[in-house]
Amino acid sequence: MSVFGWIIIEQHIGNSFNWKLPWADYKAGFGSINADFWLGLEQMHLLTSSQAYRLRVEVLLKSNNLWYSAEYWSFHIGDEAHDKYRLSVDGYSGDAGDALQYPGDYIGNRKYGHYLHDGMMFSTYDKDNDLSTVGCVEGRPGAWWFNRCFWACLTCNTNHQWDTLPGDHLVNSRMMIKPQ
């Protein structure tokens, strides 16, 4: 489905859907475009390999019921065999904060770069590709481009978040792509 030329690749509405699904489901895609939806990693890879795309993320914050957005001028998903659907984004703008490229420290714990999602491979509970020795995907109700845990996870139920925003968790989120 397309919204003003944007192709919806992820949509998370509320917390009733169980996003803890295996690699095969995230690869193929699932859900309904009118509800919770994931286009599929393989389709994302094929689209972003065919031409240059940009990414728009929209999130609804629970604490104030306001929508925020983040746009990335460049968005690409690597292949499965060599990159395990590695995320590549660049060129942030918006009012949601840059949660995908956020390299920073978390409360002074000197874990610089542990929350960076850009450049990370995709992980599900049955294919753990994150850099954490304990496995960030373990015990998480969802899947994502985890590093050594996360600053954002739009497919996590109880941790449905975009942590560059103040306040608590998200109510809804949507990821969309558009040719540059």
N, C-alpha and C. Protein backbone atom coordinates (compact mmCIF):
# COMPACT_ATOMS: atom_id res chain seq x y z
N MET A 1 0.84 -1.18 0.00
CA MET A 1 0.00 0.00 0.00
C MET A 1 0.88 1.24 0.00
N SER A 2 0.41 2.27 -0.64
CA SER A 2 1.16 3.51 -0.77
C SER A 2 0.37 4.67 -0.17
N VAL A 3 1.08 5.56 0.54
CA VAL A 3 0.48 6.76 1.10
C VAL A 3 1.28 7.95 0.56
N PHE A 4 0.67 8.73 -0.33
CA PHE A 4 1.33 9.88 -0.95
C PHE A 4 2.70 9.50 -1.54
N GLY A 5 2.76 8.34 -2.18
CA GLY A 5 3.98 7.86 -2.81
C GLY A 5 4.90 7.08 -1.89
N TRP A 6 4.60 7.02 -0.60
CA TRP A 6 5.39 6.25 0.37
C TRP A 6 4.84 4.83 0.43
N ILE A 7 5.71 3.82 0.39
CA ILE A 7 5.33 2.41 0.49
C ILE A 7 5.47 2.00 1.96
N ILE A 8 4.40 1.53 2.56
CA ILE A 8 4.44 1.12 3.97
C ILE A 8 5.18 -0.21 4.06
N ILE A 9 6.21 -0.26 4.92
CA ILE A 9 6.97 -1.50 5.11
C ILE A 9 6.78 -2.07 6.52
N GLU A 10 6.32 -1.24 7.46
CA GLU A 10 6.05 -1.69 8.83
C GLU A 10 4.96 -0.82 9.40
N GLN A 11 4.04 -1.47 10.11
CA GLN A 11 2.98 -0.74 10.82
C GLN A 11 2.66 -1.50 12.09
N HIS A 12 2.74 -0.82 13.21
CA HIS A 12 2.51 -1.42 14.53
C HIS A 12 1.44 -0.58 15.21
N ILE A 13 0.27 -1.19 15.42
CA ILE A 13 -0.87 -0.48 16.01
C ILE A 13 -1.19 -1.10 17.36
N GLY A 14 -0.97 -0.35 18.42
CA GLY A 14 -1.25 -0.87 19.76
C GLY A 14 -0.29 -1.99 20.12
N ASN A 15 -0.73 -2.82 21.06
CA ASN A 15 0.13 -3.91 21.52
C ASN A 15 -0.57 -5.26 21.57
N SER A 16 -1.57 -5.47 20.72
CA SER A 16 -2.29 -6.74 20.75
C SER A 16 -1.67 -7.82 19.87
N PHE A 17 -0.88 -7.44 18.87
CA PHE A 17 -0.26 -8.39 17.94
C PHE A 17 1.02 -8.95 18.54
N ASN A 18 1.26 -10.25 18.36
CA ASN A 18 2.48 -10.88 18.86
C ASN A 18 3.56 -10.81 17.78
N TRP A 19 4.54 -9.91 17.97
CA TRP A 19 5.61 -9.69 17.01
C TRP A 19 6.77 -10.67 17.20
N LYS A 20 6.69 -11.54 18.18
CA LYS A 20 7.77 -12.52 18.39
C LYS A 20 7.57 -13.69 17.43
N LEU A 21 8.08 -13.50 16.23
CA LEU A 21 7.91 -14.46 15.15
C LEU A 21 9.28 -14.92 14.65
N PRO A 22 9.33 -16.07 13.98
CA PRO A 22 10.62 -16.59 13.49
C PRO A 22 11.13 -15.84 12.26
N TRP A 23 12.40 -16.08 11.96
CA TRP A 23 13.09 -15.48 10.82
C TRP A 23 12.28 -15.62 9.54
N ALA A 24 11.75 -16.80 9.28
CA ALA A 24 11.01 -17.05 8.03
C ALA A 24 9.85 -16.08 7.86
N ASP A 25 9.17 -15.75 8.93
CA ASP A 25 8.04 -14.80 8.86
C ASP A 25 8.52 -13.39 8.56
N TYR A 26 9.60 -12.96 9.23
CA TYR A 26 10.14 -11.63 8.96
C TYR A 26 10.71 -11.54 7.55
N LYS A 27 11.24 -12.63 7.06
CA LYS A 27 11.76 -12.65 5.69
C LYS A 27 10.63 -12.51 4.68
N ALA A 28 9.56 -13.28 4.86
CA ALA A 28 8.45 -13.32 3.90
C ALA A 28 7.45 -12.17 4.06
N GLY A 29 7.30 -11.67 5.28
CA GLY A 29 6.30 -10.64 5.55
C GLY A 29 5.05 -11.24 6.16
N PHE A 30 4.28 -10.41 6.84
CA PHE A 30 3.07 -10.89 7.52
C PHE A 30 2.15 -9.72 7.85
N GLY A 31 0.94 -10.06 8.28
CA GLY A 31 -0.02 -9.08 8.74
C GLY A 31 -0.89 -8.52 7.64
N SER A 32 -1.62 -7.49 7.99
CA SER A 32 -2.55 -6.83 7.08
C SER A 32 -2.21 -5.35 7.01
N ILE A 33 -2.26 -4.78 5.83
CA ILE A 33 -1.94 -3.37 5.66
C ILE A 33 -2.89 -2.48 6.45
N ASN A 34 -4.06 -3.00 6.83
CA ASN A 34 -5.02 -2.23 7.63
C ASN A 34 -4.82 -2.42 9.13
N ALA A 35 -3.80 -3.20 9.50
CA ALA A 35 -3.54 -3.48 10.92
C ALA A 35 -2.02 -3.57 11.10
N ASP A 36 -1.58 -4.49 11.96
CA ASP A 36 -0.15 -4.71 12.14
C ASP A 36 0.40 -5.36 10.88
N PHE A 37 1.57 -4.87 10.42
CA PHE A 37 2.04 -5.26 9.10
C PHE A 37 3.57 -5.20 9.03
N TRP A 38 4.16 -6.17 8.34
CA TRP A 38 5.59 -6.19 8.03
C TRP A 38 5.71 -6.64 6.58
N LEU A 39 6.26 -5.80 5.71
CA LEU A 39 6.35 -6.10 4.28
C LEU A 39 7.17 -7.36 4.01
N GLY A 40 8.25 -7.53 4.73
CA GLY A 40 9.14 -8.69 4.53
C GLY A 40 10.53 -8.21 4.16
N LEU A 41 11.52 -8.80 4.81
CA LEU A 41 12.92 -8.41 4.59
C LEU A 41 13.37 -8.65 3.16
N GLU A 42 12.94 -9.76 2.58
CA GLU A 42 13.36 -10.05 1.20
C GLU A 42 12.80 -9.01 0.23
N GLN A 43 11.55 -8.65 0.41
CA GLN A 43 10.94 -7.62 -0.45
C GLN A 43 11.61 -6.27 -0.24
N MET A 44 11.94 -5.95 1.03
CA MET A 44 12.65 -4.69 1.31
C MET A 44 14.01 -4.69 0.61
N HIS A 45 14.71 -5.82 0.68
CA HIS A 45 16.02 -5.93 0.02
C HIS A 45 15.87 -5.74 -1.49
N LEU A 46 14.91 -6.43 -2.09
CA LEU A 46 14.73 -6.34 -3.54
C LEU A 46 14.39 -4.91 -3.97
N LEU A 47 13.52 -4.25 -3.23
CA LEU A 47 13.15 -2.88 -3.56
C LEU A 47 14.34 -1.94 -3.45
N THR A 48 15.05 -2.01 -2.33
CA THR A 48 16.14 -1.05 -2.09
C THR A 48 17.40 -1.38 -2.90
N SER A 49 17.45 -2.55 -3.49
CA SER A 49 18.56 -2.90 -4.38
C SER A 49 18.27 -2.48 -5.81
N SER A 50 17.01 -2.22 -6.12
CA SER A 50 16.64 -1.86 -7.49
C SER A 50 16.86 -0.38 -7.78
N GLN A 51 16.76 0.46 -6.77
CA GLN A 51 17.00 1.89 -6.90
C GLN A 51 17.19 2.50 -5.52
N ALA A 52 17.59 3.75 -5.47
CA ALA A 52 17.82 4.44 -4.20
C ALA A 52 16.48 4.81 -3.54
N TYR A 53 16.37 4.50 -2.24
CA TYR A 53 15.16 4.81 -1.47
C TYR A 53 15.50 5.66 -0.26
N ARG A 54 14.52 6.37 0.22
CA ARG A 54 14.60 7.09 1.49
C ARG A 54 13.61 6.45 2.45
N LEU A 55 13.76 6.69 3.74
CA LEU A 55 12.93 6.08 4.78
C LEU A 55 12.26 7.17 5.60
N ARG A 56 11.00 6.97 5.92
CA ARG A 56 10.27 7.83 6.85
C ARG A 56 9.72 6.95 7.96
N VAL A 57 9.99 7.34 9.20
CA VAL A 57 9.46 6.66 10.38
C VAL A 57 8.51 7.62 11.07
N GLU A 58 7.30 7.15 11.38
CA GLU A 58 6.33 7.94 12.13
C GLU A 58 5.98 7.18 13.39
N VAL A 59 5.99 7.88 14.53
CA VAL A 59 5.70 7.24 15.81
C VAL A 59 4.72 8.10 16.61
N LEU A 60 3.81 7.43 17.31
CA LEU A 60 2.84 8.09 18.18
C LEU A 60 3.24 7.82 19.62
N LEU A 61 3.59 8.86 20.35
CA LEU A 61 4.06 8.74 21.72
C LEU A 61 2.88 8.59 22.68
N LYS A 62 2.98 7.62 23.56
CA LYS A 62 1.91 7.33 24.51
C LYS A 62 1.65 8.47 25.50
N SER A 63 2.72 9.09 26.00
CA SER A 63 2.59 10.08 27.07
C SER A 63 1.84 11.34 26.66
N ASN A 64 1.96 11.78 25.40
CA ASN A 64 1.29 13.02 25.01
C ASN A 64 0.37 12.87 23.80
N ASN A 65 0.28 11.67 23.26
CA ASN A 65 -0.60 11.37 22.12
C ASN A 65 -0.28 12.23 20.89
N LEU A 66 1.02 12.52 20.69
CA LEU A 66 1.46 13.29 19.54
C LEU A 66 2.31 12.43 18.61
N TRP A 67 2.20 12.71 17.29
CA TRP A 67 2.99 12.02 16.29
C TRP A 67 4.31 12.76 16.06
N TYR A 68 5.39 11.99 15.86
CA TYR A 68 6.71 12.51 15.54
C TYR A 68 7.23 11.75 14.32
N SER A 69 8.17 12.35 13.60
CA SER A 69 8.71 11.66 12.43
C SER A 69 10.22 11.80 12.33
N ALA A 70 10.81 10.82 11.68
CA ALA A 70 12.24 10.81 11.37
C ALA A 70 12.37 10.40 9.91
N GLU A 71 13.15 11.16 9.15
CA GLU A 71 13.39 10.80 7.75
C GLU A 71 14.88 10.60 7.53
N TYR A 72 15.17 9.61 6.72
CA TYR A 72 16.54 9.30 6.33
C TYR A 72 16.60 9.37 4.81
N TRP A 73 17.55 10.16 4.30
CA TRP A 73 17.66 10.36 2.87
C TRP A 73 18.04 9.07 2.15
N SER A 74 18.78 8.20 2.83
CA SER A 74 19.22 6.95 2.22
C SER A 74 18.79 5.76 3.10
N PHE A 75 18.22 4.73 2.48
CA PHE A 75 17.77 3.52 3.17
C PHE A 75 18.03 2.32 2.27
N HIS A 76 18.71 1.33 2.82
CA HIS A 76 19.01 0.12 2.06
C HIS A 76 19.00 -1.07 3.00
N ILE A 77 18.50 -2.22 2.52
CA ILE A 77 18.54 -3.48 3.25
C ILE A 77 19.39 -4.45 2.44
N GLY A 78 20.44 -4.99 3.07
CA GLY A 78 21.32 -5.94 2.41
C GLY A 78 20.63 -7.27 2.14
N ASP A 79 21.34 -8.16 1.46
CA ASP A 79 20.76 -9.47 1.14
C ASP A 79 20.84 -10.42 2.34
N GLU A 80 20.18 -11.54 2.24
CA GLU A 80 20.17 -12.50 3.34
C GLU A 80 21.48 -13.26 3.44
N ALA A 81 21.99 -13.76 2.32
CA ALA A 81 23.16 -14.65 2.33
C ALA A 81 24.41 -13.99 2.89
N HIS A 82 24.71 -12.78 2.47
CA HIS A 82 25.95 -12.13 2.87
C HIS A 82 25.78 -11.14 4.03
N ASP A 83 24.62 -10.49 4.08
CA ASP A 83 24.42 -9.40 5.04
C ASP A 83 23.37 -9.67 6.11
N LYS A 84 22.65 -10.77 6.00
CA LYS A 84 21.57 -11.07 6.95
C LYS A 84 20.64 -9.87 7.10
N TYR A 85 20.30 -9.28 5.94
CA TYR A 85 19.39 -8.13 5.84
C TYR A 85 19.88 -6.93 6.66
N ARG A 86 21.15 -6.61 6.51
CA ARG A 86 21.78 -5.49 7.21
C ARG A 86 21.09 -4.16 6.87
N LEU A 87 20.87 -3.35 7.89
CA LEU A 87 20.26 -2.03 7.75
C LEU A 87 21.32 -0.98 7.43
N SER A 88 21.02 -0.13 6.46
CA SER A 88 21.89 0.99 6.14
C SER A 88 21.03 2.23 5.95
N VAL A 89 21.24 3.24 6.81
CA VAL A 89 20.53 4.51 6.71
C VAL A 89 21.53 5.66 6.80
N ASP A 90 21.13 6.81 6.25
CA ASP A 90 21.99 7.99 6.32
C ASP A 90 21.13 9.22 6.05
N GLY A 91 21.56 10.36 6.60
CA GLY A 91 20.93 11.64 6.29
C GLY A 91 19.66 11.89 7.07
N TYR A 92 19.72 11.97 8.38
CA TYR A 92 18.54 12.17 9.23
C TYR A 92 18.02 13.61 9.20
N SER A 93 16.68 13.73 9.27
CA SER A 93 16.00 14.99 9.57
C SER A 93 14.68 14.64 10.23
N GLY A 94 14.13 15.55 11.01
CA GLY A 94 12.83 15.32 11.63
C GLY A 94 12.77 15.78 13.07
N ASP A 95 11.65 15.47 13.74
CA ASP A 95 11.45 15.88 15.13
C ASP A 95 11.39 14.70 16.09
N ALA A 96 11.62 13.49 15.59
CA ALA A 96 11.57 12.29 16.45
C ALA A 96 12.93 11.95 17.05
N GLY A 97 13.99 12.54 16.54
CA GLY A 97 15.34 12.18 16.96
C GLY A 97 15.85 11.03 16.12
N ASP A 98 17.16 10.92 16.05
CA ASP A 98 17.81 9.94 15.19
C ASP A 98 18.11 8.66 15.97
N ALA A 99 17.11 7.84 16.18
CA ALA A 99 17.27 6.62 16.98
C ALA A 99 17.98 5.49 16.22
N LEU A 100 18.06 5.55 14.90
CA LEU A 100 18.72 4.48 14.14
C LEU A 100 20.23 4.67 14.04
N GLN A 101 20.68 5.91 14.03
CA GLN A 101 22.12 6.18 13.93
C GLN A 101 22.70 6.65 15.26
N TYR A 102 21.92 6.57 16.33
CA TYR A 102 22.36 7.08 17.62
C TYR A 102 23.53 6.25 18.15
N PRO A 103 24.73 6.82 18.20
CA PRO A 103 25.90 6.05 18.62
C PRO A 103 26.21 6.20 20.10
N GLY A 104 25.45 7.01 20.80
CA GLY A 104 25.87 7.53 22.08
C GLY A 104 25.84 6.62 23.28
N ASP A 105 26.20 7.25 24.32
CA ASP A 105 26.32 6.67 25.63
C ASP A 105 24.94 6.64 26.28
N TYR A 106 24.70 5.68 27.12
CA TYR A 106 23.42 5.59 27.83
C TYR A 106 23.69 5.75 29.32
N ILE A 107 23.29 6.87 29.86
CA ILE A 107 23.44 7.19 31.28
C ILE A 107 24.87 6.99 31.77
N GLY A 108 25.82 7.45 30.97
CA GLY A 108 27.21 7.46 31.41
C GLY A 108 27.88 6.12 31.59
N ASN A 109 27.38 5.07 30.94
CA ASN A 109 27.97 3.75 31.17
C ASN A 109 29.10 3.39 30.21
N ARG A 110 29.57 4.35 29.43
CA ARG A 110 30.70 4.18 28.52
C ARG A 110 30.50 3.06 27.49
N LYS A 111 29.29 2.79 27.13
CA LYS A 111 29.01 1.77 26.11
C LYS A 111 28.75 2.47 24.78
N TYR A 112 29.71 3.29 24.36
CA TYR A 112 29.60 4.06 23.14
C TYR A 112 29.36 3.14 21.95
N GLY A 113 28.30 3.43 21.22
CA GLY A 113 27.99 2.67 20.02
C GLY A 113 27.11 1.45 20.24
N HIS A 114 26.80 1.11 21.47
CA HIS A 114 26.00 -0.09 21.73
C HIS A 114 24.56 0.03 21.24
N TYR A 115 24.11 1.23 21.00
CA TYR A 115 22.72 1.43 20.60
C TYR A 115 22.59 1.84 19.14
N LEU A 116 23.66 1.74 18.39
CA LEU A 116 23.67 2.07 16.97
C LEU A 116 22.99 0.94 16.19
N HIS A 117 21.96 1.27 15.41
CA HIS A 117 21.26 0.27 14.60
C HIS A 117 21.75 0.25 13.15
N ASP A 118 22.16 1.40 12.66
CA ASP A 118 22.69 1.49 11.31
C ASP A 118 23.89 0.55 11.17
N GLY A 119 23.87 -0.29 10.15
CA GLY A 119 24.96 -1.24 9.92
C GLY A 119 24.76 -2.59 10.59
N MET A 120 23.67 -2.76 11.33
CA MET A 120 23.43 -4.01 12.04
C MET A 120 22.64 -5.00 11.19
N MET A 121 22.88 -6.27 11.44
CA MET A 121 22.13 -7.34 10.79
C MET A 121 20.82 -7.55 11.55
N PHE A 122 19.83 -8.11 10.89
CA PHE A 122 18.53 -8.33 11.51
C PHE A 122 18.60 -9.57 12.41
N SER A 123 17.89 -9.52 13.53
CA SER A 123 17.84 -10.65 14.47
C SER A 123 16.41 -10.99 14.85
N THR A 124 16.15 -12.29 14.91
CA THR A 124 14.89 -12.81 15.45
C THR A 124 15.26 -13.80 16.55
N TYR A 125 14.27 -14.29 17.29
CA TYR A 125 14.59 -15.20 18.39
C TYR A 125 15.26 -16.48 17.90
N ASP A 126 15.03 -16.88 16.65
CA ASP A 126 15.64 -18.11 16.14
C ASP A 126 16.88 -17.85 15.26
N LYS A 127 17.24 -16.59 15.02
CA LYS A 127 18.46 -16.22 14.28
C LYS A 127 19.03 -14.97 14.93
N ASP A 128 19.89 -15.18 15.89
CA ASP A 128 20.47 -14.09 16.67
C ASP A 128 21.73 -13.58 15.98
N ASN A 129 21.64 -12.38 15.37
CA ASN A 129 22.76 -11.80 14.65
C ASN A 129 23.29 -10.52 15.31
N ASP A 130 22.86 -10.23 16.54
CA ASP A 130 23.33 -9.01 17.19
C ASP A 130 24.74 -9.20 17.72
N LEU A 131 25.33 -8.12 18.22
CA LEU A 131 26.71 -8.15 18.70
C LEU A 131 26.83 -8.40 20.20
N SER A 132 25.71 -8.59 20.87
CA SER A 132 25.72 -8.79 22.31
C SER A 132 26.12 -10.22 22.65
N THR A 133 26.90 -10.37 23.71
CA THR A 133 27.30 -11.71 24.14
C THR A 133 26.14 -12.44 24.81
N VAL A 134 25.16 -11.71 25.30
CA VAL A 134 24.00 -12.34 25.93
C VAL A 134 22.81 -12.42 24.98
N GLY A 135 22.88 -11.79 23.84
CA GLY A 135 21.80 -11.85 22.86
C GLY A 135 20.68 -10.89 23.18
N CYS A 136 20.65 -9.76 22.52
CA CYS A 136 19.61 -8.75 22.77
C CYS A 136 18.22 -9.23 22.39
N VAL A 137 18.15 -10.10 21.41
CA VAL A 137 16.85 -10.56 20.94
C VAL A 137 16.22 -11.55 21.92
N GLU A 138 17.05 -12.19 22.72
CA GLU A 138 16.53 -13.14 23.71
C GLU A 138 15.61 -12.43 24.69
N GLY A 139 14.44 -12.95 24.88
CA GLY A 139 13.48 -12.38 25.81
C GLY A 139 12.76 -11.15 25.30
N ARG A 140 13.06 -10.69 24.10
CA ARG A 140 12.39 -9.52 23.53
C ARG A 140 11.18 -9.98 22.72
N PRO A 141 10.07 -9.32 22.90
CA PRO A 141 8.87 -9.68 22.13
C PRO A 141 8.87 -9.03 20.76
N GLY A 142 9.79 -9.43 19.91
CA GLY A 142 9.88 -8.88 18.58
C GLY A 142 11.22 -9.20 17.96
N ALA A 143 11.54 -8.51 16.88
CA ALA A 143 12.80 -8.69 16.16
C ALA A 143 13.21 -7.32 15.64
N TRP A 144 14.54 -7.16 15.35
CA TRP A 144 14.99 -5.83 14.94
C TRP A 144 16.45 -5.90 14.51
N TRP A 145 16.98 -4.78 14.10
CA TRP A 145 18.39 -4.63 13.77
C TRP A 145 19.12 -4.29 15.07
N PHE A 146 19.20 -5.26 15.97
CA PHE A 146 19.82 -5.06 17.28
C PHE A 146 21.33 -4.96 17.15
N ASN A 147 21.94 -4.19 18.03
CA ASN A 147 23.38 -4.11 18.14
C ASN A 147 23.73 -4.85 19.42
N ARG A 148 24.04 -4.13 20.46
CA ARG A 148 24.16 -4.70 21.80
C ARG A 148 22.97 -4.17 22.57
N CYS A 149 21.83 -4.54 22.13
CA CYS A 149 20.51 -4.08 22.57
C CYS A 149 20.06 -2.95 21.67
N PHE A 150 19.25 -2.03 22.17
CA PHE A 150 18.60 -1.15 21.21
C PHE A 150 18.22 0.19 21.78
N TRP A 151 18.10 1.13 20.87
CA TRP A 151 17.62 2.47 21.15
C TRP A 151 16.24 2.63 20.54
N ALA A 152 15.96 1.80 19.55
CA ALA A 152 14.66 1.78 18.89
C ALA A 152 14.30 0.32 18.61
N CYS A 153 13.02 0.01 18.71
CA CYS A 153 12.51 -1.30 18.31
C CYS A 153 11.04 -1.13 17.98
N LEU A 154 10.74 -1.02 16.71
CA LEU A 154 9.36 -0.80 16.29
C LEU A 154 8.57 -2.09 16.15
N THR A 155 9.22 -3.24 16.33
CA THR A 155 8.51 -4.52 16.28
C THR A 155 8.46 -5.19 17.65
N CYS A 156 8.78 -4.48 18.69
CA CYS A 156 8.73 -5.04 20.04
C CYS A 156 7.44 -4.61 20.73
N ASN A 157 6.75 -5.54 21.34
CA ASN A 157 5.49 -5.18 22.00
C ASN A 157 5.70 -4.37 23.25
N THR A 158 6.20 -4.97 24.31
CA THR A 158 6.34 -4.25 25.58
C THR A 158 7.46 -3.23 25.55
N ASN A 159 8.35 -3.31 24.57
CA ASN A 159 9.42 -2.34 24.42
C ASN A 159 9.31 -1.61 23.09
N HIS A 160 8.09 -1.41 22.62
CA HIS A 160 7.82 -0.69 21.38
C HIS A 160 8.28 0.74 21.59
N GLN A 161 9.46 1.08 21.05
CA GLN A 161 10.01 2.38 21.41
C GLN A 161 10.89 2.99 20.35
N TRP A 162 11.07 4.28 20.52
CA TRP A 162 11.97 5.14 19.75
C TRP A 162 12.57 6.08 20.79
N ASP A 163 13.65 5.65 21.43
CA ASP A 163 14.13 6.26 22.67
C ASP A 163 14.74 7.65 22.57
N THR A 164 14.78 8.24 21.40
CA THR A 164 15.27 9.61 21.32
C THR A 164 14.17 10.60 21.66
N LEU A 165 12.96 10.09 21.89
CA LEU A 165 11.83 10.93 22.30
C LEU A 165 11.68 10.90 23.82
N PRO A 166 11.26 12.00 24.40
CA PRO A 166 11.02 12.00 25.85
C PRO A 166 9.75 11.23 26.18
N GLY A 167 9.66 10.74 27.38
CA GLY A 167 8.43 10.07 27.80
C GLY A 167 8.53 8.58 27.72
N ASP A 168 7.36 7.97 27.62
CA ASP A 168 7.31 6.51 27.69
C ASP A 168 7.21 5.88 26.31
N HIS A 169 6.69 4.71 26.25
CA HIS A 169 6.65 3.90 25.04
C HIS A 169 5.69 4.45 23.99
N LEU A 170 5.74 3.82 22.83
CA LEU A 170 4.91 4.22 21.70
C LEU A 170 3.57 3.50 21.71
N VAL A 171 2.60 4.15 21.08
CA VAL A 171 1.30 3.53 20.86
C VAL A 171 1.28 2.90 19.47
N ASN A 172 1.70 3.67 18.47
CA ASN A 172 1.70 3.22 17.08
C ASN A 172 3.01 3.63 16.40
N SER A 173 3.35 2.90 15.34
CA SER A 173 4.50 3.29 14.53
C SER A 173 4.28 2.84 13.10
N ARG A 174 4.98 3.51 12.21
CA ARG A 174 4.91 3.16 10.79
C ARG A 174 6.26 3.49 10.15
N MET A 175 6.75 2.57 9.32
CA MET A 175 7.94 2.82 8.51
C MET A 175 7.51 2.79 7.06
N MET A 176 7.98 3.79 6.29
CA MET A 176 7.61 3.88 4.88
C MET A 176 8.85 4.23 4.06
N ILE A 177 8.89 3.75 2.84
CA ILE A 177 9.99 4.08 1.94
C ILE A 177 9.46 4.71 0.67
N LYS A 178 10.33 5.49 0.01
CA LYS A 178 9.96 6.19 -1.22
C LYS A 178 11.22 6.33 -2.06
N PRO A 179 11.12 6.15 -3.37
CA PRO A 179 12.31 6.37 -4.21
C PRO A 179 12.83 7.79 -4.04
N GLN A 180 14.16 7.93 -4.09
CA GLN A 180 14.77 9.27 -3.95
C GLN A 180 14.45 10.13 -5.15
